[in-house]
Amino acid sequence: MSHQPRFRTKVQPALPLSLRQLGEEIARLPKWHRERLEPIYKRVVDAFKMRTRVMQLAREALEQAKLEISLLKFDNEVTKKENERLRKQLDQ
């Protein structure tokens, strides 16, 4: 069983190699080209980070939902058993 920390720290996703290389290439361009491309590159990087964060949140929500379903199934089973026990007592 793996141990997950109770409170997650915000970790910045690592950029793919291709995006890092693109940023390095843009940084080497002459100023005029760099000034035109850097804002576009920043938007691409921001979109990548946002998608990564959304996927992380979706995974966490799914795991939480699975846990809650398991707890509800357990509670339902216990309630059924208790109901059966009480019905038997009433029939006696």
Foldseek 3Di string as FASTA:
>chain_A
DDDDDPDDDDDFDDDDPVLVVVVVVLVPDPPVSSVVCVVVSVVVSVVVRVVVVVVVVVVVVVVVVVVVVVVVVVVVVVVVVVVVVVVVVVVD
